[in-house]
Amino acid sequence: MPLVRIDLPLTTPSEDRETIVEVIYDALAGVAGAPVDDRFMIVSDHGPTGLVMDPHYLVDRTERALIIQITLNAGRTVDVKKRLYRAIADGLHERIGLRTEDVFINLVEVPKENWSFGLGQAQYAD
């Protein structure tokens, strides 16, 4: 159900990239109820002009800051969303030492019929 886009600085070590994917998947499954094996993620790296983030808007960010955009089915409560943000930010801090201020997350909610996992079918459509 979720489609995750992760935009990283080019300087992010490859072992950290794998851990970032794991942390996000674990949070989606554990907090947001994503199905087992529902792992669809796009990881892109960017040079300094390809990942533009204001260093001081609402929090102070470093050059390690990343953007996580998650497209998922609509319907989760604000509490679940807050717990998801916290689980991802805390997990990245614990596992790779990324400051929680450097974790920018955006959720995009869509109706279930907006997904096709192949075969030209809308598998989640009622």
PDB file of N, CA and C in Angstrom:
ATOM      1  N   MET A   1       0.793  -1.185   0.000  1.00  0.00           N
ATOM      2  CA  MET A   1       0.000   0.000   0.000  1.00  0.00           C
ATOM      3  C   MET A   1       0.842   1.258   0.000  1.00  0.00           C
ATOM      4  N   PRO A   2       1.869   1.415   0.814  1.00  0.00           N
ATOM      5  CA  PRO A   2       2.629   2.659   0.705  1.00  0.00           C
ATOM      6  C   PRO A   2       3.660   2.604  -0.431  1.00  0.00           C
ATOM      7  N   LEU A   3       3.857   3.745  -1.033  1.00  0.00           N
ATOM      8  CA  LEU A   3       4.954   3.956  -1.974  1.00  0.00           C
ATOM      9  C   LEU A   3       5.809   5.034  -1.353  1.00  0.00           C
ATOM     10  N   VAL A   4       7.087   4.729  -1.132  1.00  0.00           N
ATOM     11  CA  VAL A   4       7.968   5.637  -0.417  1.00  0.00           C
ATOM     12  C   VAL A   4       9.043   6.164  -1.360  1.00  0.00           C
ATOM     13  N   ARG A   5       9.198   7.462  -1.363  1.00  0.00           N
ATOM     14  CA  ARG A   5      10.288   8.112  -2.089  1.00  0.00           C
ATOM     15  C   ARG A   5      11.232   8.708  -1.048  1.00  0.00           C
ATOM     16  N   ILE A   6      12.493   8.329  -1.159  1.00  0.00           N
ATOM     17  CA  ILE A   6      13.497   8.791  -0.212  1.00  0.00           C
ATOM     18  C   ILE A   6      14.537   9.565  -1.003  1.00  0.00           C
ATOM     19  N   ASP A   7      14.675  10.845  -0.696  1.00  0.00           N
ATOM     20  CA  ASP A   7      15.651  11.698  -1.366  1.00  0.00           C
ATOM     21  C   ASP A   7      16.756  12.031  -0.379  1.00  0.00           C
ATOM     22  N   LEU A   8      17.967  11.600  -0.749  1.00  0.00           N
ATOM     23  CA  LEU A   8      19.122  11.678   0.141  1.00  0.00           C
ATOM     24  C   LEU A   8      20.224  12.555  -0.432  1.00  0.00           C
ATOM     25  N   PRO A   9      21.055  13.108   0.445  1.00  0.00           N
ATOM     26  CA  PRO A   9      22.274  13.743  -0.061  1.00  0.00           C
ATOM     27  C   PRO A   9      23.180  12.685  -0.699  1.00  0.00           C
ATOM     28  N   LEU A  10      23.880  13.063  -1.734  1.00  0.00           N
ATOM     29  CA  LEU A  10      24.795  12.175  -2.446  1.00  0.00           C
ATOM     30  C   LEU A  10      25.837  11.566  -1.514  1.00  0.00           C
ATOM     31  N   THR A  11      26.134  12.260  -0.434  1.00  0.00           N
ATOM     32  CA  THR A  11      27.174  11.827   0.505  1.00  0.00           C
ATOM     33  C   THR A  11      26.701  10.749   1.487  1.00  0.00           C
ATOM     34  N   THR A  12      25.446  10.338   1.428  1.00  0.00           N
ATOM     35  CA  THR A  12      24.935   9.325   2.349  1.00  0.00           C
ATOM     36  C   THR A  12      25.600   7.977   2.063  1.00  0.00           C
ATOM     37  N   PRO A  13      26.263   7.369   3.064  1.00  0.00           N
ATOM     38  CA  PRO A  13      26.928   6.075   2.840  1.00  0.00           C
ATOM     39  C   PRO A  13      25.934   4.983   2.431  1.00  0.00           C
ATOM     40  N   SER A  14      26.383   4.039   1.619  1.00  0.00           N
ATOM     41  CA  SER A  14      25.494   2.984   1.114  1.00  0.00           C
ATOM     42  C   SER A  14      24.905   2.139   2.242  1.00  0.00           C
ATOM     43  N   GLU A  15      25.673   1.857   3.288  1.00  0.00           N
ATOM     44  CA  GLU A  15      25.128   1.064   4.391  1.00  0.00           C
ATOM     45  C   GLU A  15      24.026   1.826   5.126  1.00  0.00           C
ATOM     46  N   ASP A  16      24.113   3.154   5.167  1.00  0.00           N
ATOM     47  CA  ASP A  16      23.047   3.950   5.774  1.00  0.00           C
ATOM     48  C   ASP A  16      21.783   3.897   4.922  1.00  0.00           C
ATOM     49  N   ARG A  17      21.935   3.854   3.596  1.00  0.00           N
ATOM     50  CA  ARG A  17      20.779   3.793   2.701  1.00  0.00           C
ATOM     51  C   ARG A  17      19.945   2.545   2.992  1.00  0.00           C
ATOM     52  N   GLU A  18      20.611   1.418   3.147  1.00  0.00           N
ATOM     53  CA  GLU A  18      19.902   0.169   3.454  1.00  0.00           C
ATOM     54  C   GLU A  18      19.174   0.262   4.789  1.00  0.00           C
ATOM     55  N   THR A  19      19.809   0.856   5.768  1.00  0.00           N
ATOM     56  CA  THR A  19      19.204   1.002   7.086  1.00  0.00           C
ATOM     57  C   THR A  19      18.021   1.951   7.032  1.00  0.00           C
ATOM     58  N   ILE A  20      18.123   3.017   6.263  1.00  0.00           N
ATOM     59  CA  ILE A  20      17.019   3.966   6.115  1.00  0.00           C
ATOM     60  C   ILE A  20      15.784   3.246   5.584  1.00  0.00           C
ATOM     61  N   VAL A  21      15.967   2.431   4.559  1.00  0.00           N
ATOM     62  CA  VAL A  21      14.855   1.654   3.996  1.00  0.00           C
ATOM     63  C   VAL A  21      14.255   0.741   5.065  1.00  0.00           C
ATOM     64  N   GLU A  22      15.085   0.056   5.822  1.00  0.00           N
ATOM     65  CA  GLU A  22      14.606  -0.855   6.869  1.00  0.00           C
ATOM     66  C   GLU A  22      13.806  -0.115   7.937  1.00  0.00           C
ATOM     67  N   VAL A  23      14.324   1.016   8.392  1.00  0.00           N
ATOM     68  CA  VAL A  23      13.656   1.781   9.449  1.00  0.00           C
ATOM     69  C   VAL A  23      12.280   2.244   8.982  1.00  0.00           C
ATOM     70  N   ILE A  24      12.208   2.754   7.762  1.00  0.00           N
ATOM     71  CA  ILE A  24      10.925   3.238   7.251  1.00  0.00           C
ATOM     72  C   ILE A  24       9.938   2.081   7.104  1.00  0.00           C
ATOM     73  N   TYR A  25      10.382   0.973   6.531  1.00  0.00           N
ATOM     74  CA  TYR A  25       9.499  -0.189   6.367  1.00  0.00           C
ATOM     75  C   TYR A  25       9.000  -0.692   7.723  1.00  0.00           C
ATOM     76  N   ASP A  26       9.906  -0.814   8.691  1.00  0.00           N
ATOM     77  CA  ASP A  26       9.517  -1.287  10.020  1.00  0.00           C
ATOM     78  C   ASP A  26       8.485  -0.368  10.654  1.00  0.00           C
ATOM     79  N   ALA A  27       8.654   0.938  10.493  1.00  0.00           N
ATOM     80  CA  ALA A  27       7.693   1.900  11.054  1.00  0.00           C
ATOM     81  C   ALA A  27       6.345   1.797  10.348  1.00  0.00           C
ATOM     82  N   LEU A  28       6.364   1.663   9.031  1.00  0.00           N
ATOM     83  CA  LEU A  28       5.110   1.542   8.287  1.00  0.00           C
ATOM     84  C   LEU A  28       4.349   0.283   8.688  1.00  0.00           C
ATOM     85  N   ALA A  29       5.062  -0.826   8.841  1.00  0.00           N
ATOM     86  CA  ALA A  29       4.414  -2.077   9.223  1.00  0.00           C
ATOM     87  C   ALA A  29       3.960  -2.036  10.684  1.00  0.00           C
ATOM     88  N   GLY A  30       4.811  -1.541  11.550  1.00  0.00           N
ATOM     89  CA  GLY A  30       4.525  -1.574  12.974  1.00  0.00           C
ATOM     90  C   GLY A  30       3.553  -0.520  13.462  1.00  0.00           C
ATOM     91  N   VAL A  31       3.569   0.650  12.845  1.00  0.00           N
ATOM     92  CA  VAL A  31       2.740   1.757  13.318  1.00  0.00           C
ATOM     93  C   VAL A  31       1.537   2.001  12.413  1.00  0.00           C
ATOM     94  N   ALA A  32       1.774   1.985  11.108  1.00  0.00           N
ATOM     95  CA  ALA A  32       0.717   2.368  10.158  1.00  0.00           C
ATOM     96  C   ALA A  32      -0.035   1.170   9.588  1.00  0.00           C
ATOM     97  N   GLY A  33       0.360  -0.035   9.958  1.00  0.00           N
ATOM     98  CA  GLY A  33      -0.367  -1.213   9.526  1.00  0.00           C
ATOM     99  C   GLY A  33      -0.142  -1.625   8.088  1.00  0.00           C
ATOM    100  N   ALA A  34       1.009  -1.293   7.525  1.00  0.00           N
ATOM    101  CA  ALA A  34       1.309  -1.726   6.156  1.00  0.00           C
ATOM    102  C   ALA A  34       1.412  -3.248   6.125  1.00  0.00           C
ATOM    103  N   PRO A  35       0.901  -3.869   5.064  1.00  0.00           N
ATOM    104  CA  PRO A  35       0.960  -5.331   4.968  1.00  0.00           C
ATOM    105  C   PRO A  35       2.394  -5.862   4.888  1.00  0.00           C
ATOM    106  N   VAL A  36       2.585  -7.090   5.337  1.00  0.00           N
ATOM    107  CA  VAL A  36       3.888  -7.753   5.240  1.00  0.00           C
ATOM    108  C   VAL A  36       4.295  -7.827   3.769  1.00  0.00           C
ATOM    109  N   ASP A  37       5.546  -7.611   3.500  1.00  0.00           N
ATOM    110  CA  ASP A  37       6.138  -7.651   2.157  1.00  0.00           C
ATOM    111  C   ASP A  37       5.679  -6.521   1.245  1.00  0.00           C
ATOM    112  N   ASP A  38       4.925  -5.563   1.735  1.00  0.00           N
ATOM    113  CA  ASP A  38       4.480  -4.429   0.934  1.00  0.00           C
ATOM    114  C   ASP A  38       5.570  -3.364   0.992  1.00  0.00           C
ATOM    115  N   ARG A  39       6.654  -3.640   0.277  1.00  0.00           N
ATOM    116  CA  ARG A  39       7.832  -2.783   0.322  1.00  0.00           C
ATOM    117  C   ARG A  39       8.101  -2.267  -1.092  1.00  0.00           C
ATOM    118  N   PHE A  40       7.714  -1.016  -1.324  1.00  0.00           N
ATOM    119  CA  PHE A  40       7.955  -0.339  -2.600  1.00  0.00           C
ATOM    120  C   PHE A  40       8.570   1.012  -2.293  1.00  0.00           C
ATOM    121  N   MET A  41       9.870   1.135  -2.569  1.00  0.00           N
ATOM    122  CA  MET A  41      10.597   2.357  -2.217  1.00  0.00           C
ATOM    123  C   MET A  41      11.503   2.779  -3.362  1.00  0.00           C
ATOM    124  N   ILE A  42      11.573   4.066  -3.566  1.00  0.00           N
ATOM    125  CA  ILE A  42      12.453   4.657  -4.565  1.00  0.00           C
ATOM    126  C   ILE A  42      13.469   5.490  -3.809  1.00  0.00           C
ATOM    127  N   VAL A  43      14.742   5.149  -3.936  1.00  0.00           N
ATOM    128  CA  VAL A  43      15.804   5.864  -3.233  1.00  0.00           C
ATOM    129  C   VAL A  43      16.617   6.625  -4.271  1.00  0.00           C
ATOM    130  N   SER A  44      16.661   7.937  -4.120  1.00  0.00           N
ATOM    131  CA  SER A  44      17.398   8.790  -5.057  1.00  0.00           C
ATOM    132  C   SER A  44      18.379   9.642  -4.282  1.00  0.00           C
ATOM    133  N   ASP A  45      19.578   9.782  -4.849  1.00  0.00           N
ATOM    134  CA  ASP A  45      20.545  10.671  -4.205  1.00  0.00           C
ATOM    135  C   ASP A  45      20.748  11.913  -5.060  1.00  0.00           C
ATOM    136  N   HIS A  46      21.129  12.981  -4.384  1.00  0.00           N
ATOM    137  CA  HIS A  46      21.222  14.291  -5.025  1.00  0.00           C
ATOM    138  C   HIS A  46      22.467  15.031  -4.554  1.00  0.00           C
ATOM    139  N   GLY A  47      23.059  15.765  -5.479  1.00  0.00           N
ATOM    140  CA  GLY A  47      24.125  16.690  -5.135  1.00  0.00           C
ATOM    141  C   GLY A  47      23.538  17.911  -4.440  1.00  0.00           C
ATOM    142  N   PRO A  48      24.385  18.862  -4.068  1.00  0.00           N
ATOM    143  CA  PRO A  48      23.926  20.018  -3.288  1.00  0.00           C
ATOM    144  C   PRO A  48      22.833  20.849  -3.961  1.00  0.00           C
ATOM    145  N   THR A  49      22.812  20.902  -5.286  1.00  0.00           N
ATOM    146  CA  THR A  49      21.772  21.699  -5.950  1.00  0.00           C
ATOM    147  C   THR A  49      20.546  20.863  -6.310  1.00  0.00           C
ATOM    148  N   GLY A  50      20.578  19.565  -6.067  1.00  0.00           N
ATOM    149  CA  GLY A  50      19.463  18.698  -6.412  1.00  0.00           C
ATOM    150  C   GLY A  50      18.548  18.368  -5.255  1.00  0.00           C
ATOM    151  N   LEU A  51      18.949  18.706  -4.051  1.00  0.00           N
ATOM    152  CA  LEU A  51      18.131  18.491  -2.860  1.00  0.00           C
ATOM    153  C   LEU A  51      18.159  19.792  -2.069  1.00  0.00           C
ATOM    154  N   VAL A  52      17.176  20.609  -2.310  1.00  0.00           N
ATOM    155  CA  VAL A  52      17.145  21.949  -1.730  1.00  0.00           C
ATOM    156  C   VAL A  52      16.212  21.946  -0.526  1.00  0.00           C
ATOM    157  N   MET A  53      16.784  22.220   0.636  1.00  0.00           N
ATOM    158  CA  MET A  53      16.011  22.274   1.883  1.00  0.00           C
ATOM    159  C   MET A  53      16.490  23.480   2.673  1.00  0.00           C
ATOM    160  N   ASP A  54      15.570  24.337   3.038  1.00  0.00           N
ATOM    161  CA  ASP A  54      15.963  25.489   3.842  1.00  0.00           C
ATOM    162  C   ASP A  54      16.586  24.993   5.140  1.00  0.00           C
ATOM    163  N   PRO A  55      17.766  25.481   5.482  1.00  0.00           N
ATOM    164  CA  PRO A  55      18.446  24.965   6.676  1.00  0.00           C
ATOM    165  C   PRO A  55      17.827  25.409   8.000  1.00  0.00           C
ATOM    166  N   HIS A  56      16.861  26.355   7.958  1.00  0.00           N
ATOM    167  CA  HIS A  56      16.341  26.874   9.227  1.00  0.00           C
ATOM    168  C   HIS A  56      14.824  26.958   9.302  1.00  0.00           C
ATOM    169  N   TYR A  57      14.083  26.489   8.292  1.00  0.00           N
ATOM    170  CA  TYR A  57      12.626  26.600   8.352  1.00  0.00           C
ATOM    171  C   TYR A  57      12.062  25.636   9.395  1.00  0.00           C
ATOM    172  N   LEU A  58      11.514  26.171  10.466  1.00  0.00           N
ATOM    173  CA  LEU A  58      10.896  25.487  11.613  1.00  0.00           C
ATOM    174  C   LEU A  58      11.867  24.691  12.472  1.00  0.00           C
ATOM    175  N   VAL A  59      12.924  24.125  11.895  1.00  0.00           N
ATOM    176  CA  VAL A  59      13.992  23.452  12.656  1.00  0.00           C
ATOM    177  C   VAL A  59      15.317  23.749  11.958  1.00  0.00           C
ATOM    178  N   ASP A  60      16.412  23.539  12.658  1.00  0.00           N
ATOM    179  CA  ASP A  60      17.738  23.706  12.048  1.00  0.00           C
ATOM    180  C   ASP A  60      18.206  22.381  11.480  1.00  0.00           C
ATOM    181  N   ARG A  61      18.515  22.373  10.176  1.00  0.00           N
ATOM    182  CA  ARG A  61      18.944  21.162   9.471  1.00  0.00           C
ATOM    183  C   ARG A  61      20.427  21.226   9.140  1.00  0.00           C
ATOM    184  N   THR A  62      21.016  20.037   8.988  1.00  0.00           N
ATOM    185  CA  THR A  62      22.413  19.944   8.563  1.00  0.00           C
ATOM    186  C   THR A  62      22.461  19.444   7.123  1.00  0.00           C
ATOM    187  N   GLU A  63      23.667  19.255   6.623  1.00  0.00           N
ATOM    188  CA  GLU A  63      23.865  18.754   5.256  1.00  0.00           C
ATOM    189  C   GLU A  63      23.460  17.286   5.116  1.00  0.00           C
ATOM    190  N   ARG A  64      23.146  16.604   6.215  1.00  0.00           N
ATOM    191  CA  ARG A  64      22.685  15.208   6.161  1.00  0.00           C
ATOM    192  C   ARG A  64      21.174  15.086   6.007  1.00  0.00           C
ATOM    193  N   ALA A  65      20.450  16.196   6.007  1.00  0.00           N
ATOM    194  CA  ALA A  65      18.987  16.166   5.962  1.00  0.00           C
ATOM    195  C   ALA A  65      18.484  15.426   4.724  1.00  0.00           C
ATOM    196  N   LEU A  66      17.375  14.701   4.908  1.00  0.00           N
ATOM    197  CA  LEU A  66      16.766  13.945   3.821  1.00  0.00           C
ATOM    198  C   LEU A  66      15.268  14.187   3.802  1.00  0.00           C
ATOM    199  N   ILE A  67      14.645  13.818   2.685  1.00  0.00           N
ATOM    200  CA  ILE A  67      13.201  13.961   2.523  1.00  0.00           C
ATOM    201  C   ILE A  67      12.600  12.579   2.283  1.00  0.00           C
ATOM    202  N   ILE A  68      11.561  12.272   3.031  1.00  0.00           N
ATOM    203  CA  ILE A  68      10.824  11.019   2.875  1.00  0.00           C
ATOM    204  C   ILE A  68       9.391  11.383   2.522  1.00  0.00           C
ATOM    205  N   GLN A  69       8.941  10.942   1.365  1.00  0.00           N
ATOM    206  CA  GLN A  69       7.546  11.163   0.969  1.00  0.00           C
ATOM    207  C   GLN A  69       6.865   9.806   0.863  1.00  0.00           C
ATOM    208  N   ILE A  70       5.764   9.654   1.582  1.00  0.00           N
ATOM    209  CA  ILE A  70       5.050   8.384   1.641  1.00  0.00           C
ATOM    210  C   ILE A  70       3.650   8.583   1.085  1.00  0.00           C
ATOM    211  N   THR A  71       3.349   7.881  -0.004  1.00  0.00           N
ATOM    212  CA  THR A  71       1.998   7.858  -0.551  1.00  0.00           C
ATOM    213  C   THR A  71       1.321   6.612   0.000  1.00  0.00           C
ATOM    214  N   LEU A  72       0.142   6.785   0.613  1.00  0.00           N
ATOM    215  CA  LEU A  72      -0.531   5.662   1.250  1.00  0.00           C
ATOM    216  C   LEU A  72      -2.036   5.865   1.232  1.00  0.00           C
ATOM    217  N   ASN A  73      -2.752   4.819   1.540  1.00  0.00           N
ATOM    218  CA  ASN A  73      -4.207   4.898   1.584  1.00  0.00           C
ATOM    219  C   ASN A  73      -4.649   5.907   2.627  1.00  0.00           C
ATOM    220  N   ALA A  74      -5.683   6.655   2.313  1.00  0.00           N
ATOM    221  CA  ALA A  74      -6.242   7.623   3.240  1.00  0.00           C
ATOM    222  C   ALA A  74      -6.928   6.915   4.404  1.00  0.00           C
ATOM    223  N   GLY A  75      -7.018   7.609   5.541  1.00  0.00           N
ATOM    224  CA  GLY A  75      -7.818   7.092   6.637  1.00  0.00           C
ATOM    225  C   GLY A  75      -7.138   6.952   7.977  1.00  0.00           C
ATOM    226  N   ARG A  76      -5.859   7.201   8.056  1.00  0.00           N
ATOM    227  CA  ARG A  76      -5.194   7.066   9.356  1.00  0.00           C
ATOM    228  C   ARG A  76      -5.452   8.303  10.218  1.00  0.00           C
ATOM    229  N   THR A  77      -5.491   8.093  11.514  1.00  0.00           N
ATOM    230  CA  THR A  77      -5.741   9.202  12.436  1.00  0.00           C
ATOM    231  C   THR A  77      -4.497  10.073  12.564  1.00  0.00           C
ATOM    232  N   VAL A  78      -4.694  11.255  13.092  1.00  0.00           N
ATOM    233  CA  VAL A  78      -3.568  12.150  13.355  1.00  0.00           C
ATOM    234  C   VAL A  78      -2.602  11.497  14.330  1.00  0.00           C
ATOM    235  N   ASP A  79      -3.120  10.793  15.325  1.00  0.00           N
ATOM    236  CA  ASP A  79      -2.267  10.114  16.299  1.00  0.00           C
ATOM    237  C   ASP A  79      -1.363   9.081  15.617  1.00  0.00           C
ATOM    238  N   VAL A  80      -1.914   8.284  14.710  1.00  0.00           N
ATOM    239  CA  VAL A  80      -1.112   7.282  13.997  1.00  0.00           C
ATOM    240  C   VAL A  80      -0.034   7.983  13.167  1.00  0.00           C
ATOM    241  N   LYS A  81      -0.389   9.066  12.502  1.00  0.00           N
ATOM    242  CA  LYS A  81       0.590   9.800  11.698  1.00  0.00           C
ATOM    243  C   LYS A  81       1.723  10.344  12.573  1.00  0.00           C
ATOM    244  N   LYS A  82       1.381  10.899  13.711  1.00  0.00           N
ATOM    245  CA  LYS A  82       2.403  11.418  14.625  1.00  0.00           C
ATOM    246  C   LYS A  82       3.323  10.301  15.114  1.00  0.00           C
ATOM    247  N   ARG A  83       2.734   9.141  15.432  1.00  0.00           N
ATOM    248  CA  ARG A  83       3.547   8.009  15.886  1.00  0.00           C
ATOM    249  C   ARG A  83       4.451   7.495  14.765  1.00  0.00           C
ATOM    250  N   LEU A  84       3.950   7.545  13.525  1.00  0.00           N
ATOM    251  CA  LEU A  84       4.772   7.148  12.377  1.00  0.00           C
ATOM    252  C   LEU A  84       5.953   8.088  12.211  1.00  0.00           C
ATOM    253  N   TYR A  85       5.704   9.392  12.256  1.00  0.00           N
ATOM    254  CA  TYR A  85       6.801  10.368  12.144  1.00  0.00           C
ATOM    255  C   TYR A  85       7.856  10.113  13.224  1.00  0.00           C
ATOM    256  N   ARG A  86       7.387   9.918  14.444  1.00  0.00           N
ATOM    257  CA  ARG A  86       8.298   9.718  15.576  1.00  0.00           C
ATOM    258  C   ARG A  86       9.083   8.420  15.415  1.00  0.00           C
ATOM    259  N   ALA A  87       8.426   7.344  14.999  1.00  0.00           N
ATOM    260  CA  ALA A  87       9.098   6.051  14.840  1.00  0.00           C
ATOM    261  C   ALA A  87      10.188   6.143  13.776  1.00  0.00           C
ATOM    262  N   ILE A  88       9.919   6.827  12.682  1.00  0.00           N
ATOM    263  CA  ILE A  88      10.928   6.960  11.626  1.00  0.00           C
ATOM    264  C   ILE A  88      12.077   7.827  12.103  1.00  0.00           C
ATOM    265  N   ALA A  89      11.772   8.998  12.652  1.00  0.00           N
ATOM    266  CA  ALA A  89      12.835   9.915  13.094  1.00  0.00           C
ATOM    267  C   ALA A  89      13.688   9.287  14.196  1.00  0.00           C
ATOM    268  N   ASP A  90      13.039   8.688  15.192  1.00  0.00           N
ATOM    269  CA  ASP A  90      13.796   8.058  16.282  1.00  0.00           C
ATOM    270  C   ASP A  90      14.585   6.851  15.787  1.00  0.00           C
ATOM    271  N   GLY A  91      13.983   6.059  14.895  1.00  0.00           N
ATOM    272  CA  GLY A  91      14.683   4.893  14.356  1.00  0.00           C
ATOM    273  C   GLY A  91      15.928   5.284  13.576  1.00  0.00           C
ATOM    274  N   LEU A  92      15.830   6.331  12.782  1.00  0.00           N
ATOM    275  CA  LEU A  92      17.003   6.791  12.023  1.00  0.00           C
ATOM    276  C   LEU A  92      18.069   7.361  12.947  1.00  0.00           C
ATOM    277  N   HIS A  93      17.639   8.022  14.003  1.00  0.00           N
ATOM    278  CA  HIS A  93      18.609   8.541  14.974  1.00  0.00           C
ATOM    279  C   HIS A  93      19.330   7.387  15.679  1.00  0.00           C
ATOM    280  N   GLU A  94      18.567   6.399  16.116  1.00  0.00           N
ATOM    281  CA  GLU A  94      19.158   5.272  16.842  1.00  0.00           C
ATOM    282  C   GLU A  94      20.057   4.410  15.957  1.00  0.00           C
ATOM    283  N   ARG A  95      19.649   4.188  14.719  1.00  0.00           N
ATOM    284  CA  ARG A  95      20.360   3.235  13.856  1.00  0.00           C
ATOM    285  C   ARG A  95      21.530   3.838  13.091  1.00  0.00           C
ATOM    286  N   ILE A  96      21.420   5.111  12.658  1.00  0.00           N
ATOM    287  CA  ILE A  96      22.523   5.700  11.870  1.00  0.00           C
ATOM    288  C   ILE A  96      22.988   7.047  12.419  1.00  0.00           C
ATOM    289  N   GLY A  97      22.450   7.446  13.580  1.00  0.00           N
ATOM    290  CA  GLY A  97      22.891   8.697  14.190  1.00  0.00           C
ATOM    291  C   GLY A  97      22.390   9.949  13.494  1.00  0.00           C
ATOM    292  N   LEU A  98      21.353   9.832  12.673  1.00  0.00           N
ATOM    293  CA  LEU A  98      20.802  11.001  11.993  1.00  0.00           C
ATOM    294  C   LEU A  98      19.991  11.819  12.986  1.00  0.00           C
ATOM    295  N   ARG A  99      20.265  13.107  13.022  1.00  0.00           N
ATOM    296  CA  ARG A  99      19.511  13.988  13.912  1.00  0.00           C
ATOM    297  C   ARG A  99      18.038  13.965  13.516  1.00  0.00           C
ATOM    298  N   THR A 100      17.137  13.950  14.488  1.00  0.00           N
ATOM    299  CA  THR A 100      15.710  13.943  14.167  1.00  0.00           C
ATOM    300  C   THR A 100      15.303  15.209  13.421  1.00  0.00           C
ATOM    301  N   GLU A 101      16.025  16.288  13.616  1.00  0.00           N
ATOM    302  CA  GLU A 101      15.756  17.535  12.888  1.00  0.00           C
ATOM    303  C   GLU A 101      16.029  17.385  11.394  1.00  0.00           C
ATOM    304  N   ASP A 102      16.829  16.404  11.017  1.00  0.00           N
ATOM    305  CA  ASP A 102      17.214  16.204   9.620  1.00  0.00           C
ATOM    306  C   ASP A 102      16.283  15.243   8.874  1.00  0.00           C
ATOM    307  N   VAL A 103      15.174  14.868   9.503  1.00  0.00           N
ATOM    308  CA  VAL A 103      14.238  13.921   8.889  1.00  0.00           C
ATOM    309  C   VAL A 103      12.952  14.676   8.523  1.00  0.00           C
ATOM    310  N   PHE A 104      12.800  14.976   7.250  1.00  0.00           N
ATOM    311  CA  PHE A 104      11.622  15.671   6.716  1.00  0.00           C
ATOM    312  C   PHE A 104      10.699  14.603   6.132  1.00  0.00           C
ATOM    313  N   ILE A 105       9.454  14.540   6.610  1.00  0.00           N
ATOM    314  CA  ILE A 105       8.508  13.510   6.159  1.00  0.00           C
ATOM    315  C   ILE A 105       7.242  14.182   5.651  1.00  0.00           C
ATOM    316  N   ASN A 106       6.754  13.700   4.519  1.00  0.00           N
ATOM    317  CA  ASN A 106       5.509  14.187   3.934  1.00  0.00           C
ATOM    318  C   ASN A 106       4.640  12.992   3.584  1.00  0.00           C
ATOM    319  N   LEU A 107       3.391  13.009   4.030  1.00  0.00           N
ATOM    320  CA  LEU A 107       2.438  11.958   3.680  1.00  0.00           C
ATOM    321  C   LEU A 107       1.510  12.461   2.583  1.00  0.00           C
ATOM    322  N   VAL A 108       1.251  11.611   1.604  1.00  0.00           N
ATOM    323  CA  VAL A 108       0.291  11.891   0.540  1.00  0.00           C
ATOM    324  C   VAL A 108      -0.759  10.800   0.619  1.00  0.00           C
ATOM    325  N   GLU A 109      -1.984  11.166   0.985  1.00  0.00           N
ATOM    326  CA  GLU A 109      -3.046  10.180   1.137  1.00  0.00           C
ATOM    327  C   GLU A 109      -3.886  10.099  -0.133  1.00  0.00           C
ATOM    328  N   VAL A 110      -4.172   8.868  -0.539  1.00  0.00           N
ATOM    329  CA  VAL A 110      -4.955   8.643  -1.753  1.00  0.00           C
ATOM    330  C   VAL A 110      -6.047   7.614  -1.481  1.00  0.00           C
ATOM    331  N   PRO A 111      -7.130   7.629  -2.277  1.00  0.00           N
ATOM    332  CA  PRO A 111      -8.145   6.577  -2.161  1.00  0.00           C
ATOM    333  C   PRO A 111      -7.574   5.234  -2.595  1.00  0.00           C
ATOM    334  N   LYS A 112      -8.106   4.152  -2.068  1.00  0.00           N
ATOM    335  CA  LYS A 112      -7.602   2.807  -2.356  1.00  0.00           C
ATOM    336  C   LYS A 112      -7.616   2.460  -3.839  1.00  0.00           C
ATOM    337  N   GLU A 113      -8.591   2.980  -4.584  1.00  0.00           N
ATOM    338  CA  GLU A 113      -8.685   2.640  -6.007  1.00  0.00           C
ATOM    339  C   GLU A 113      -7.591   3.284  -6.853  1.00  0.00           C
ATOM    340  N   ASN A 114      -6.741   4.083  -6.257  1.00  0.00           N
ATOM    341  CA  ASN A 114      -5.664   4.746  -6.997  1.00  0.00           C
ATOM    342  C   ASN A 114      -4.398   3.900  -7.122  1.00  0.00           C
ATOM    343  N   TRP A 115      -4.476   2.614  -6.838  1.00  0.00           N
ATOM    344  CA  TRP A 115      -3.324   1.723  -6.907  1.00  0.00           C
ATOM    345  C   TRP A 115      -3.550   0.616  -7.935  1.00  0.00           C
ATOM    346  N   SER A 116      -2.502   0.321  -8.689  1.00  0.00           N
ATOM    347  CA  SER A 116      -2.464  -0.889  -9.499  1.00  0.00           C
ATOM    348  C   SER A 116      -1.101  -1.519  -9.276  1.00  0.00           C
ATOM    349  N   PHE A 117      -1.080  -2.745  -8.801  1.00  0.00           N
ATOM    350  CA  PHE A 117       0.172  -3.445  -8.520  1.00  0.00           C
ATOM    351  C   PHE A 117       0.602  -4.323  -9.687  1.00  0.00           C
ATOM    352  N   GLY A 118      -0.046  -4.167 -10.823  1.00  0.00           N
ATOM    353  CA  GLY A 118       0.277  -4.932 -12.017  1.00  0.00           C
ATOM    354  C   GLY A 118      -0.982  -5.516 -12.642  1.00  0.00           C
ATOM    355  N   LEU A 119      -0.818  -6.095 -13.798  1.00  0.00           N
ATOM    356  CA  LEU A 119      -1.883  -6.742 -14.551  1.00  0.00           C
ATOM    357  C   LEU A 119      -2.953  -5.761 -15.034  1.00  0.00           C
ATOM    358  N   GLY A 120      -2.710  -4.454 -14.884  1.00  0.00           N
ATOM    359  CA  GLY A 120      -3.704  -3.477 -15.281  1.00  0.00           C
ATOM    360  C   GLY A 120      -4.953  -3.526 -14.414  1.00  0.00           C
ATOM    361  N   GLN A 121      -4.816  -3.990 -13.187  1.00  0.00           N
ATOM    362  CA  GLN A 121      -5.952  -4.143 -12.281  1.00  0.00           C
ATOM    363  C   GLN A 121      -5.829  -3.193 -11.099  1.00  0.00           C
ATOM    364  N   ALA A 122      -6.954  -2.794 -10.558  1.00  0.00           N
ATOM    365  CA  ALA A 122      -7.007  -1.988  -9.335  1.00  0.00           C
ATOM    366  C   ALA A 122      -7.285  -2.955  -8.183  1.00  0.00           C
ATOM    367  N   GLN A 123      -6.227  -3.579  -7.663  1.00  0.00           N
ATOM    368  CA  GLN A 123      -6.382  -4.655  -6.673  1.00  0.00           C
ATOM    369  C   GLN A 123      -7.101  -4.211  -5.398  1.00  0.00           C
ATOM    370  N   TYR A 124      -7.006  -2.962  -5.016  1.00  0.00           N
ATOM    371  CA  TYR A 124      -7.646  -2.515  -3.780  1.00  0.00           C
ATOM    372  C   TYR A 124      -9.024  -1.907  -4.010  1.00  0.00           C
ATOM    373  N   ALA A 125      -9.474  -1.785  -5.255  1.00  0.00           N
ATOM    374  CA  ALA A 125     -10.774  -1.175  -5.535  1.00  0.00           C
ATOM    375  C   ALA A 125     -11.907  -2.073  -5.017  1.00  0.00           C
ATOM    376  N   ASP A 126     -12.883  -1.458  -4.430  1.00  0.00           N
ATOM    377  CA  ASP A 126     -14.034  -2.238  -3.917  1.00  0.00           C
ATOM    378  C   ASP A 126     -14.938  -2.654  -5.058  1.00  0.00           C
TER     379      ASP A 126
END
